Amino acid sequence: MIEGLIGIVTSIVESLVTLIASLLELIAGLFVGAGETLAATDTLLLLLVFLCEIIFWVILWIKELIVSLFKVRKPRLVARPVFWRPKPKLKEADENNKTKNT
């Protein structure tokens, strides 16, 4: 009985670690543009912001569903919140403009 429970908990923890690692790879891949690579701190910060946005979005959905339940109306679409996105570095933007002008 205990061995089965430990196996279930272990598999859940392993799947959560795999999910976090795949989210990290997804976010790093999405925000890499034109050969620019993100530092580890930028990637971790993006992951943290992304997870906070998702959690906040779920809370907004739950709130909207509860409000629509009590007011007996159809739930409205909840827009995904955007807290922060990295800005391109000025140095690289200037280099891109110089290559376009020549």
Protein backbone atom coordinates (compact mmCIF):
# COMPACT_ATOMS: atom_id res chain seq x y z
CA MET A 1 0.00 0.00 0.00
CA ILE A 2 2.73 2.47 1.01
CA GLU A 3 4.94 1.44 -1.93
CA GLY A 4 2.08 2.18 -4.32
CA LEU A 5 1.47 5.57 -2.73
CA ILE A 6 5.19 6.41 -2.91
CA GLY A 7 5.20 5.38 -6.59
CA ILE A 8 2.22 7.63 -7.34
CA VAL A 9 3.76 10.62 -5.54
CA THR A 10 7.09 10.04 -7.28
CA SER A 11 5.46 9.91 -10.71
CA ILE A 12 3.49 13.11 -9.99
CA VAL A 13 6.65 14.94 -8.89
CA GLU A 14 8.52 13.66 -11.93
CA SER A 15 5.77 14.81 -14.28
CA LEU A 16 5.72 18.28 -12.65
CA VAL A 17 9.49 18.61 -13.08
CA THR A 18 9.16 17.55 -16.72
CA LEU A 19 6.33 20.06 -17.25
CA ILE A 20 8.40 22.90 -15.76
CA ALA A 21 11.40 21.95 -17.89
CA SER A 22 9.30 21.85 -21.05
CA LEU A 23 7.74 25.24 -20.19
CA LEU A 24 11.22 26.64 -19.71
CA GLU A 25 12.29 25.34 -23.12
CA LEU A 26 9.10 26.68 -24.73
CA ILE A 27 9.49 30.15 -23.27
CA ALA A 28 13.19 30.31 -24.10
CA GLY A 29 12.39 29.28 -27.66
CA LEU A 30 9.60 31.82 -28.04
CA PHE A 31 11.60 34.79 -26.82
CA VAL A 32 14.78 34.09 -28.74
CA GLY A 33 14.74 36.35 -31.76
CA ALA A 34 17.20 36.84 -34.60
CA GLY A 35 20.05 34.92 -33.01
CA GLU A 36 19.70 36.61 -29.63
CA THR A 37 19.98 34.22 -26.73
CA LEU A 38 18.60 34.92 -23.32
CA ALA A 39 20.67 34.70 -20.19
CA ALA A 40 19.68 32.16 -17.57
CA THR A 41 18.31 34.89 -15.30
CA ASP A 42 16.19 36.34 -18.13
CA THR A 43 14.83 32.90 -18.93
CA LEU A 44 13.98 32.15 -15.31
CA LEU A 45 12.40 35.57 -14.95
CA LEU A 46 10.31 34.96 -18.06
CA LEU A 47 9.23 31.60 -16.71
CA LEU A 48 8.23 33.16 -13.39
CA VAL A 49 6.28 35.94 -15.11
CA PHE A 50 4.61 33.44 -17.45
CA LEU A 51 3.54 31.21 -14.56
CA CYS A 52 2.23 34.24 -12.62
CA GLU A 53 0.24 35.32 -15.69
CA ILE A 54 -1.26 31.85 -16.07
CA ILE A 55 -2.18 31.68 -12.36
CA PHE A 56 -3.70 35.17 -12.49
CA TRP A 57 -5.60 34.24 -15.68
CA VAL A 58 -7.05 31.13 -14.01
CA ILE A 59 -8.13 33.24 -11.01
CA LEU A 60 -9.82 35.72 -13.37
CA TRP A 61 -11.62 32.84 -15.14
CA ILE A 62 -12.84 31.39 -11.84
CA LYS A 63 -14.06 34.84 -10.75
CA GLU A 64 -15.87 35.34 -14.07
CA LEU A 65 -17.49 31.90 -13.86
CA ILE A 66 -18.69 32.53 -10.31
CA VAL A 67 -20.04 35.99 -11.17
CA SER A 68 -21.84 34.67 -14.26
CA LEU A 69 -23.28 31.81 -12.20
CA PHE A 70 -24.80 34.16 -9.62
CA LYS A 71 -26.02 36.69 -12.20
CA VAL A 72 -27.37 33.89 -14.43
CA ARG A 73 -25.64 35.05 -17.57
CA LYS A 74 -23.25 33.67 -20.11
CA PRO A 75 -19.57 33.98 -19.05
CA ARG A 76 -17.57 36.66 -20.85
CA LEU A 77 -14.19 36.07 -22.44
CA VAL A 78 -11.33 36.88 -20.08
CA ALA A 79 -8.27 38.34 -21.83
CA ARG A 80 -4.90 36.88 -20.91
CA PRO A 81 -2.96 39.34 -18.77
CA VAL A 82 0.49 40.48 -19.90
CA PHE A 83 2.64 41.67 -17.01
CA TRP A 84 6.05 42.03 -18.69
CA ARG A 85 7.95 41.17 -21.83
CA PRO A 86 11.65 41.72 -22.43
CA LYS A 87 12.60 44.73 -24.54
CA PRO A 88 15.23 44.41 -27.27
CA LYS A 89 18.65 45.64 -26.37
CA LEU A 90 19.46 49.07 -27.82
CA LYS A 91 22.92 48.05 -29.01
CA GLU A 92 21.59 45.21 -31.14
CA ALA A 93 18.75 47.36 -32.46
CA ASP A 94 21.28 50.00 -33.60
CA GLU A 95 23.37 47.32 -35.35
CA ASN A 96 20.28 46.04 -37.16
CA ASN A 97 19.45 49.57 -38.39
CA LYS A 98 23.00 50.06 -39.68
CA THR A 99 22.89 46.83 -41.69
CA LYS A 100 19.51 47.76 -43.18
CA ASN A 101 20.73 51.20 -44.24
CA THR A 102 23.75 49.89 -46.11
